[in-house]
Amino acid sequence: MELKNNKKTIKAWAMFDWANSAYNLVITSTIFPAYYTAITTTSNNNDKVFFFGFKFVNTALSNYALAVAYLIIAFLTPILTATADYRGNKKTFMMVFTWIGALACAGLYFFKIDTLELGIILFAVAAIGYCGGIVFSNSYLPEIATLDQQDKVSAKGFAYGYIGSVILQIICFVFVLIPEAFGITDASFPARLSFLLVGIWWLGFSYFPFTVLPKASQNYNKLDKKKVGSGFGELKKVWDQVKTMPVLKSFLTAYFFYAMGVQTIMLVAANFGEKILHLGTSKLIATILIIQLVAIIGAYLMSRLSQIYGNIKVLIFVVVLWIFVCAAAYFVANEYQFYVLAAVVGLIMGGIQSLSRSTFSKYVPEGTSDTASFFSFYDVTEKLAIVAGLFSFGFVEELTGNMRNSAASLGMFFIIGLILLFVTLKKEKLNFKS
C-alpha cells in the first residue's frame, strides 16, 4: 500500500487530532479553567492559593504549572524522538504519551479544593501526555503526504480535532448546564465528570490511528537499530543543518516569537474571560465552542490563501491580526466585545497553527530519514516559546495585579515575530532567484 496520500492513512492520522483535541478544549480552554478559577476564588474575591506552602495568584499558579510541564516535555522530546527515529517505533511513544495524558485527565475527577496539589500535578501531567503525543504525530506529516498536499492534510488534521473536541464539549456542556436533569446535586460533579470523559474519549478514539498508522518511517533502515544515541546530539545535528538553510532558520526564529503569543493566548483565554469579565462557565463554554467552529473555517481558509499568496505572506497577515487582538484584549470591557474578539481569535487560531506546521514541513529536506528529529526541533522551539510566554504572562499578572497588562504585553512577541517573518520572506525570494 502506497503510504503517501493514502486516504485511509491520512484519515487515521487526522483521527489522532480528533482523539486528543478533547483535552485541549475541555482541559486547557473551557471547563477546567472555569472550574479551577471558581473553586480557588473566595467569596470576597481573594484569588490567592497555597501550593505546598507557597502562596500564588491562582491563575498564575496554573500558568506556572503548564510552563513547567512544557519545559519537561521540551527536554524529554529530543531523547525520545531520536530513539524513535533509530528504532522506528514512534507509534509506541505516541501510545505511551496518550495513556499518560488520558489517565491524568481521568484522575482529575478527584480534583477538589482540598486536593489542590493533586489537581495541579495531574493538570501538568496531562499536558505532558498531550504534547508528547503531538510531536510524534506531527512527524508523520511529511511521510503520509506529498509536498503539494501537506497544507491540505495539515488543515484536515486540525479540522478533525476541532470537530471531535466540539462534539465531546457539547456532551459535557449538557451536564454542566442542566445537571438537575440527571439528578446531579453536587455542584462540582459535572466538571469532574467532564475530565473523566476526556480521558475515556482520548483513549477510545486513539485506537484507530494506532491500528492504521505505520510503526516506523518508510525511510527506516534496520541497521540503525544499533545506533541509538544522544537525543540532544540529534537535536544539535538538526540545528547544524538548519544553520545552512537560511530560510528555515529565519522562519523558526520568527515562529519562536509569535508562538509565544499564540499559544499563551490560547491557554489563558478562558481564565481571562472568567476572571476579568466573570462570564460564568456556560457563557465561557459557548464562546469557546464558537471559536472552535470558526477555527475550522480558518484552517481551510489559510490553506487556500497560502496556495494563492504563499505561506509566509499569509502568516504575516495573520500575525498582524494577532497584534490587534492583544491590543483589543487590554480594552475589552464587556462580554459582547469579548465574543467579537473570540470570533477573530477563532478565525486566525486554526489557520496559524495549521499553516505554521505545514510551512515547516515544506522546509524539511525531502527524503530525510530523521523526520521525527526535525519535528522534535520544531516542537522544542514551540514548547520553549510556550514556557517563556506563560511565565511572562503569570509574572506580569503577579507584578501588576491585572491580567489585562499580561495580555497587552504579549503583543511585543508578535511584533518581533512579524519583523522576522518579513526577513524570512526576503530570504525566500533571494533563495528562489538563486
Protein backbone atom coordinates (compact mmCIF):
# COMPACT_ATOMS: atom_id res chain seq x y z
CA MET A 1 0.00 0.00 0.00
CA GLU A 2 1.36 3.41 -1.01
CA LEU A 3 1.80 5.36 2.18
CA LYS A 4 1.84 8.91 0.83
CA ASN A 5 -1.56 10.46 0.04
CA ASN A 6 -3.33 7.25 1.04
CA LYS A 7 -6.85 8.24 2.16
CA LYS A 8 -7.09 5.66 4.94
CA THR A 9 -3.71 6.57 6.39
CA ILE A 10 -4.47 10.31 6.28
CA LYS A 11 -7.86 9.76 7.92
CA ALA A 12 -6.23 7.66 10.65
CA TRP A 13 -3.63 10.37 11.24
CA ALA A 14 -6.34 13.04 11.43
CA MET A 15 -8.28 10.91 13.92
CA PHE A 16 -5.41 11.31 16.38
CA ASP A 17 -6.26 15.03 16.42
CA TRP A 18 -9.93 14.07 16.86
CA ALA A 19 -8.98 11.99 19.92
CA ASN A 20 -6.55 14.27 21.75
CA SER A 21 -8.09 17.67 20.94
CA ALA A 22 -10.78 16.94 23.52
CA TYR A 23 -8.05 17.52 26.11
CA ASN A 24 -7.11 20.81 24.51
CA LEU A 25 -10.67 22.10 24.53
CA VAL A 26 -12.08 20.81 27.82
CA ILE A 27 -8.95 20.87 30.00
CA THR A 28 -6.97 23.87 28.76
CA SER A 29 -9.69 26.04 27.21
CA THR A 30 -13.08 25.72 28.89
CA ILE A 31 -14.32 23.59 31.77
CA PHE A 32 -11.10 23.11 33.74
CA PRO A 33 -10.10 26.83 33.77
CA ALA A 34 -13.63 27.89 34.77
CA TYR A 35 -13.86 25.18 37.43
CA TYR A 36 -10.36 25.89 38.74
CA THR A 37 -10.92 29.66 38.94
CA ALA A 38 -14.29 29.16 40.66
CA ILE A 39 -13.07 26.80 43.39
CA THR A 40 -9.89 28.78 44.08
CA THR A 41 -11.56 32.20 44.38
CA THR A 42 -13.25 33.03 47.66
CA SER A 43 -16.49 34.98 48.07
CA ASN A 44 -14.55 38.20 48.81
CA ASN A 45 -12.58 37.86 45.51
CA ASN A 46 -9.44 36.57 47.17
CA ASP A 47 -7.58 34.80 44.36
CA LYS A 48 -4.56 33.63 46.39
CA VAL A 49 -3.87 29.91 46.88
CA PHE A 50 -1.25 27.88 48.71
CA PHE A 51 0.63 25.18 46.80
CA PHE A 52 2.84 23.04 49.06
CA GLY A 53 3.06 26.01 51.43
CA PHE A 54 3.90 28.63 48.81
CA LYS A 55 1.45 31.45 48.05
CA PHE A 56 0.42 32.24 44.45
CA VAL A 57 -2.23 34.09 42.47
CA ASN A 58 -4.49 31.20 41.39
CA THR A 59 -4.28 31.78 37.64
CA ALA A 60 -0.54 32.47 37.82
CA LEU A 61 -0.09 29.09 39.55
CA SER A 62 -1.88 27.22 36.76
CA ASN A 63 0.23 29.10 34.18
CA TYR A 64 3.41 28.19 36.02
CA ALA A 65 2.31 24.54 36.23
CA LEU A 66 1.74 24.43 32.47
CA ALA A 67 5.07 26.16 31.86
CA VAL A 68 6.89 23.52 33.94
CA ALA A 69 5.07 20.76 32.02
CA TYR A 70 6.13 22.22 28.69
CA LEU A 71 9.69 22.64 29.94
CA ILE A 72 9.81 18.95 30.92
CA ILE A 73 8.48 17.85 27.55
CA ALA A 74 10.96 20.15 25.79
CA PHE A 75 13.81 18.25 27.49
CA LEU A 76 12.26 14.80 27.01
CA THR A 77 11.29 15.15 23.36
CA PRO A 78 14.80 15.22 21.80
CA ILE A 79 15.77 11.99 23.56
CA LEU A 80 12.55 10.19 22.70
CA THR A 81 12.34 11.32 19.08
CA ALA A 82 15.97 10.34 18.41
CA THR A 83 15.22 6.89 19.79
CA ALA A 84 12.06 6.73 17.70
CA ASP A 85 13.99 7.62 14.53
CA TYR A 86 16.65 4.97 15.13
CA ARG A 87 14.36 2.21 16.36
CA GLY A 88 11.41 3.02 14.15
CA ASN A 89 8.89 2.91 16.99
CA LYS A 90 7.48 6.42 17.24
CA LYS A 91 3.95 4.99 17.24
CA THR A 92 4.83 3.24 20.52
CA PHE A 93 5.78 6.61 22.04
CA MET A 94 2.52 8.11 20.77
CA MET A 95 0.66 5.34 22.59
CA VAL A 96 2.61 5.78 25.84
CA PHE A 97 2.02 9.53 25.97
CA THR A 98 -1.64 9.03 25.11
CA TRP A 99 -2.08 6.71 28.11
CA ILE A 100 -0.22 9.15 30.38
CA GLY A 101 -2.34 12.10 29.28
CA ALA A 102 -5.67 10.28 29.24
CA LEU A 103 -5.19 8.72 32.69
CA ALA A 104 -4.15 12.09 34.15
CA CYS A 105 -7.34 13.66 32.74
CA ALA A 106 -9.43 10.86 34.20
CA GLY A 107 -7.65 11.38 37.54
CA LEU A 108 -8.86 14.99 37.62
CA TYR A 109 -12.26 13.52 38.50
CA PHE A 110 -10.94 13.56 42.09
CA PHE A 111 -9.86 17.23 41.97
CA LYS A 112 -11.48 19.45 44.60
CA ILE A 113 -10.18 22.45 46.55
CA ASP A 114 -8.88 20.21 49.35
CA THR A 115 -6.85 18.23 46.79
CA LEU A 116 -5.33 21.29 45.07
CA GLU A 117 -1.82 19.87 44.89
CA LEU A 118 -3.08 16.65 43.27
CA GLY A 119 -5.17 18.61 40.78
CA ILE A 120 -2.32 20.88 39.71
CA ILE A 121 0.08 17.93 39.32
CA LEU A 122 -2.42 15.94 37.21
CA PHE A 123 -3.13 19.09 35.19
CA ALA A 124 0.59 19.34 34.38
CA VAL A 125 0.97 15.59 33.68
CA ALA A 126 -1.97 15.70 31.25
CA ALA A 127 -0.20 18.49 29.36
CA ILE A 128 2.95 16.35 29.15
CA GLY A 129 0.92 13.46 27.72
CA TYR A 130 -0.78 15.68 25.17
CA CYS A 131 2.40 17.42 24.00
CA GLY A 132 4.40 14.20 23.90
CA GLY A 133 1.91 12.58 21.55
CA ILE A 134 1.64 15.60 19.27
CA VAL A 135 5.32 15.76 18.36
CA PHE A 136 5.30 12.16 17.09
CA SER A 137 2.02 12.75 15.28
CA ASN A 138 3.45 15.86 13.57
CA SER A 139 6.47 13.92 12.37
CA TYR A 140 4.21 11.65 10.30
CA LEU A 141 3.07 14.56 8.09
CA PRO A 142 5.91 14.51 5.50
CA GLU A 143 5.69 10.70 5.42
CA ILE A 144 1.97 10.43 4.69
CA ALA A 145 1.56 13.38 2.29
CA THR A 146 3.49 14.68 -0.69
CA LEU A 147 4.74 18.26 -0.60
CA ASP A 148 1.82 19.64 -2.61
CA GLN A 149 -0.72 18.01 -0.26
CA GLN A 150 0.79 18.87 3.13
CA ASP A 151 -1.11 22.15 3.66
CA LYS A 152 -4.38 20.36 2.92
CA VAL A 153 -3.61 17.33 5.10
CA SER A 154 -2.39 19.52 7.98
CA ALA A 155 -5.62 21.53 7.80
CA LYS A 156 -7.62 18.28 7.77
CA GLY A 157 -5.94 17.19 11.00
CA PHE A 158 -6.86 20.44 12.73
CA ALA A 159 -10.41 20.29 11.34
CA TYR A 160 -10.89 16.75 12.68
CA GLY A 161 -9.52 17.93 16.01
CA TYR A 162 -11.93 20.84 16.22
CA ILE A 163 -14.95 18.75 15.22
CA GLY A 164 -14.16 15.89 17.61
CA SER A 165 -13.47 18.19 20.53
CA VAL A 166 -16.66 20.19 19.92
CA ILE A 167 -18.76 17.01 19.97
CA LEU A 168 -17.39 15.98 23.37
CA GLN A 169 -17.60 19.57 24.61
CA ILE A 170 -21.33 19.65 23.80
CA ILE A 171 -21.83 16.39 25.70
CA CYS A 172 -20.01 17.85 28.71
CA PHE A 173 -21.88 21.14 28.28
CA VAL A 174 -25.21 19.35 28.77
CA PHE A 175 -24.09 18.03 32.16
CA VAL A 176 -22.73 21.43 33.20
CA LEU A 177 -25.75 23.43 32.03
CA ILE A 178 -28.61 21.20 33.24
CA PRO A 179 -27.24 18.92 35.97
CA GLU A 180 -30.67 18.63 37.59
CA ALA A 181 -31.94 16.72 34.54
CA PHE A 182 -29.58 13.91 35.52
CA GLY A 183 -30.26 14.11 39.24
CA ILE A 184 -26.88 15.72 39.93
CA THR A 185 -26.78 17.65 43.21
CA ASP A 186 -23.01 18.02 43.72
CA ALA A 187 -22.05 21.31 42.00
CA SER A 188 -18.53 20.04 41.30
CA PHE A 189 -19.64 16.76 39.71
CA PRO A 190 -20.42 17.95 36.12
CA ALA A 191 -16.94 19.44 35.71
CA ARG A 192 -15.21 16.43 37.27
CA LEU A 193 -17.28 14.07 35.10
CA SER A 194 -16.13 16.05 32.05
CA PHE A 195 -12.50 15.43 32.98
CA LEU A 196 -13.21 11.69 33.21
CA LEU A 197 -14.99 11.69 29.84
CA VAL A 198 -11.98 13.39 28.22
CA GLY A 199 -9.73 10.55 29.35
CA ILE A 200 -12.12 7.91 28.01
CA TRP A 201 -12.64 9.77 24.70
CA TRP A 202 -8.89 10.28 24.24
CA LEU A 203 -8.06 6.61 24.74
CA GLY A 204 -11.04 5.29 22.79
CA PHE A 205 -10.61 7.25 19.56
CA SER A 206 -6.82 6.80 19.55
CA TYR A 207 -7.40 3.13 18.74
CA PHE A 208 -8.00 3.85 15.03
CA PRO A 209 -4.73 5.76 14.34
CA PHE A 210 -2.75 3.27 16.44
CA THR A 211 -4.15 0.44 14.32
CA VAL A 212 -3.62 2.02 10.90
CA LEU A 213 -0.53 4.27 11.11
CA PRO A 214 2.77 2.61 10.16
CA LYS A 215 5.07 1.70 13.05
CA ALA A 216 8.19 3.24 11.54
CA SER A 217 9.33 5.71 8.95
CA GLN A 218 9.27 4.46 5.37
CA ASN A 219 12.91 5.55 5.21
CA TYR A 220 13.78 3.50 8.29
CA ASN A 221 16.89 1.32 7.98
CA LYS A 222 17.04 -1.71 10.28
CA LEU A 223 20.80 -1.32 10.63
CA ASP A 224 20.17 1.91 12.54
CA LYS A 225 18.69 -0.03 15.46
CA LYS A 226 22.17 -0.26 16.94
CA LYS A 227 22.73 3.47 16.66
CA VAL A 228 20.57 4.72 19.50
CA GLY A 229 22.50 7.76 20.68
CA SER A 230 22.05 11.06 22.35
CA GLY A 231 18.79 12.83 21.61
CA PHE A 232 20.43 16.17 22.22
CA GLY A 233 23.14 15.12 19.78
CA GLU A 234 20.38 14.59 17.23
CA LEU A 235 18.98 18.00 18.05
CA LYS A 236 22.39 19.55 17.50
CA LYS A 237 22.71 17.69 14.20
CA VAL A 238 19.37 19.14 13.08
CA TRP A 239 20.45 22.60 14.23
CA ASP A 240 23.69 22.26 12.24
CA GLN A 241 21.57 21.52 9.17
CA VAL A 242 19.18 24.37 9.95
CA LYS A 243 22.10 26.82 10.12
CA THR A 244 22.90 26.01 6.48
CA MET A 245 19.29 26.69 5.49
CA PRO A 246 18.75 30.46 5.91
CA VAL A 247 15.03 30.41 5.10
CA LEU A 248 14.22 27.65 7.59
CA LYS A 249 16.44 29.24 10.25
CA SER A 250 14.73 32.61 9.84
CA PHE A 251 11.26 31.02 9.86
CA LEU A 252 11.95 29.05 13.06
CA THR A 253 13.16 32.19 14.82
CA ALA A 254 10.03 34.05 13.77
CA TYR A 255 7.90 31.08 14.82
CA PHE A 256 9.50 31.05 18.27
CA PHE A 257 8.38 34.62 18.95
CA TYR A 258 4.88 34.60 17.50
CA ALA A 259 4.22 31.16 19.03
CA MET A 260 4.92 32.73 22.44
CA GLY A 261 1.88 34.90 21.87
CA VAL A 262 -0.42 32.47 20.05
CA GLN A 263 -0.02 29.52 22.39
CA THR A 264 -0.16 31.63 25.54
CA ILE A 265 -3.37 33.38 24.45
CA MET A 266 -4.98 30.04 23.67
CA LEU A 267 -4.01 28.66 27.06
CA VAL A 268 -5.08 31.67 29.15
CA ALA A 269 -8.16 32.90 27.23
CA ALA A 270 -10.63 31.02 29.42
CA ASN A 271 -9.03 32.29 32.62
CA PHE A 272 -9.20 35.82 31.19
CA GLY A 273 -12.90 35.52 30.37
CA GLU A 274 -13.74 34.08 33.76
CA LYS A 275 -11.54 36.28 35.93
CA ILE A 276 -11.76 39.66 34.16
CA LEU A 277 -15.28 39.56 32.69
CA HIS A 278 -16.88 36.99 35.04
CA LEU A 279 -18.62 35.25 32.14
CA GLY A 280 -19.52 32.12 34.05
CA THR A 281 -18.99 28.55 32.89
CA SER A 282 -21.96 28.32 30.48
CA LYS A 283 -21.14 31.52 28.55
CA LEU A 284 -17.46 30.65 28.53
CA ILE A 285 -18.08 27.20 27.07
CA ALA A 286 -20.46 28.62 24.45
CA THR A 287 -17.81 31.18 23.46
CA ILE A 288 -15.08 28.58 23.11
CA LEU A 289 -17.40 26.37 21.05
CA ILE A 290 -17.88 29.27 18.63
CA ILE A 291 -14.10 29.71 18.48
CA GLN A 292 -13.62 26.03 17.63
CA LEU A 293 -16.21 26.10 14.85
CA VAL A 294 -14.81 29.29 13.34
CA ALA A 295 -11.31 27.80 13.62
CA ILE A 296 -12.30 25.01 11.22
CA ILE A 297 -13.11 27.65 8.61
CA GLY A 298 -9.87 29.47 9.46
CA ALA A 299 -7.70 26.40 8.95
CA TYR A 300 -9.09 25.73 5.46
CA LEU A 301 -9.18 29.43 4.56
CA MET A 302 -5.50 29.88 5.39
CA SER A 303 -4.65 26.72 3.45
CA ARG A 304 -6.47 28.15 0.41
CA LEU A 305 -4.89 31.60 0.75
CA SER A 306 -1.43 30.05 1.06
CA GLN A 307 -1.89 28.45 -2.37
CA ILE A 308 -2.61 31.87 -3.85
CA TYR A 309 -0.22 34.16 -1.97
CA GLY A 310 2.32 31.80 -0.40
CA ASN A 311 2.68 30.62 3.20
CA ILE A 312 4.87 33.42 4.57
CA LYS A 313 2.72 36.26 3.22
CA VAL A 314 -0.38 34.73 4.77
CA LEU A 315 1.43 34.22 8.08
CA ILE A 316 2.46 37.90 8.04
CA PHE A 317 -1.18 38.91 7.59
CA VAL A 318 -2.33 36.61 10.41
CA VAL A 319 0.35 37.84 12.84
CA VAL A 320 -0.75 41.44 12.20
CA LEU A 321 -4.27 40.39 13.22
CA TRP A 322 -2.86 38.82 16.41
CA ILE A 323 -1.22 42.14 17.31
CA PHE A 324 -4.63 43.82 17.09
CA VAL A 325 -6.09 41.05 19.26
CA CYS A 326 -3.55 41.77 22.03
CA ALA A 327 -4.32 45.49 21.91
CA ALA A 328 -8.07 44.87 21.92
CA ALA A 329 -7.79 42.46 24.90
CA TYR A 330 -6.47 45.29 27.05
CA PHE A 331 -9.55 47.44 26.38
CA VAL A 332 -12.32 44.81 26.18
CA ALA A 333 -14.95 45.83 28.72
CA ASN A 334 -17.97 43.57 28.31
CA GLU A 335 -18.99 40.10 27.20
CA TYR A 336 -20.14 41.21 23.74
CA GLN A 337 -16.78 42.74 22.92
CA PHE A 338 -15.20 39.52 24.19
CA TYR A 339 -17.41 37.49 21.82
CA VAL A 340 -16.30 39.55 18.83
CA LEU A 341 -12.68 39.22 19.88
CA ALA A 342 -13.17 35.47 20.38
CA ALA A 343 -14.57 35.12 16.85
CA VAL A 344 -11.47 36.84 15.42
CA VAL A 345 -9.21 34.62 17.52
CA GLY A 346 -11.06 31.54 16.28
CA LEU A 347 -10.62 32.53 12.65
CA ILE A 348 -6.87 33.06 12.94
CA MET A 349 -6.13 30.40 15.60
CA GLY A 350 -6.60 27.32 13.43
CA GLY A 351 -5.01 28.98 10.44
CA ILE A 352 -1.75 29.99 12.09
CA GLN A 353 -1.24 26.58 13.73
CA SER A 354 -2.02 24.58 10.61
CA LEU A 355 -0.02 26.85 8.29
CA SER A 356 2.99 27.01 10.62
CA ARG A 357 3.16 23.21 10.80
CA SER A 358 2.86 22.73 7.04
CA THR A 359 5.33 25.57 6.31
CA PHE A 360 7.95 23.88 8.46
CA SER A 361 7.14 20.53 6.85
CA LYS A 362 7.81 22.03 3.41
CA TYR A 363 11.20 23.31 4.55
CA VAL A 364 12.30 19.89 5.88
CA PRO A 365 14.66 18.34 3.29
CA GLU A 366 12.62 15.91 1.21
CA GLY A 367 13.57 12.26 1.66
CA THR A 368 15.26 12.77 5.03
CA SER A 369 15.22 9.66 7.23
CA ASP A 370 15.02 11.53 10.54
CA THR A 371 11.77 13.47 10.23
CA ALA A 372 10.98 12.86 13.90
CA SER A 373 14.19 14.66 14.90
CA PHE A 374 13.34 17.61 12.65
CA PHE A 375 9.87 17.81 14.14
CA SER A 376 11.39 17.38 17.58
CA PHE A 377 13.36 20.55 16.90
CA TYR A 378 10.16 22.28 15.77
CA ASP A 379 8.32 21.03 18.83
CA VAL A 380 11.08 22.06 21.24
CA THR A 381 11.03 25.52 19.66
CA GLU A 382 7.28 25.73 20.27
CA LYS A 383 7.46 24.37 23.83
CA LEU A 384 10.22 26.76 24.88
CA ALA A 385 8.16 29.59 23.38
CA ILE A 386 5.17 28.49 25.46
CA VAL A 387 7.33 28.30 28.62
CA ALA A 388 8.56 31.85 28.05
CA GLY A 389 5.06 33.10 27.20
CA LEU A 390 3.31 31.50 30.18
CA PHE A 391 5.97 32.55 32.69
CA SER A 392 5.94 36.13 31.40
CA PHE A 393 2.12 36.20 31.43
CA GLY A 394 1.96 34.91 35.02
CA PHE A 395 4.80 37.15 36.16
CA VAL A 396 3.23 40.32 34.73
CA GLU A 397 -0.09 39.45 36.39
CA GLU A 398 1.54 38.89 39.78
CA LEU A 399 3.67 42.02 39.36
CA THR A 400 0.86 44.37 38.30
CA GLY A 401 -2.16 42.59 39.75
CA ASN A 402 -4.01 42.88 36.42
CA MET A 403 -4.30 40.21 33.74
CA ARG A 404 -5.04 42.88 31.12
CA ASN A 405 -1.42 44.03 31.36
CA SER A 406 -0.28 40.46 30.73
CA ALA A 407 -2.43 40.23 27.59
CA ALA A 408 -1.12 43.54 26.24
CA SER A 409 2.49 42.51 26.88
CA LEU A 410 2.12 39.55 24.51
CA GLY A 411 1.86 42.00 21.62
CA MET A 412 5.61 42.55 21.88
CA PHE A 413 6.29 38.92 20.94
CA PHE A 414 4.05 39.19 17.87
CA ILE A 415 5.80 42.37 16.72
CA ILE A 416 9.20 40.66 16.88
CA GLY A 417 7.77 37.62 15.06
CA LEU A 418 6.30 39.88 12.39
CA ILE A 419 9.63 41.56 11.71
CA LEU A 420 11.33 38.18 11.42
CA LEU A 421 8.65 36.90 9.02
CA PHE A 422 9.45 39.83 6.71
CA VAL A 423 13.10 38.78 6.92
CA THR A 424 12.07 35.20 6.05
CA LEU A 425 10.07 36.41 3.05
CA LYS A 426 13.07 38.36 1.77
CA LYS A 427 15.38 35.36 2.18
CA GLU A 428 12.83 33.10 0.48
CA LYS A 429 12.79 35.40 -2.56
CA LEU A 430 16.59 35.50 -2.68
CA ASN A 431 16.75 31.72 -2.35
CA PHE A 432 14.23 31.30 -5.18
CA LYS A 433 16.21 33.61 -7.50
CA SER A 434 19.43 31.72 -6.81
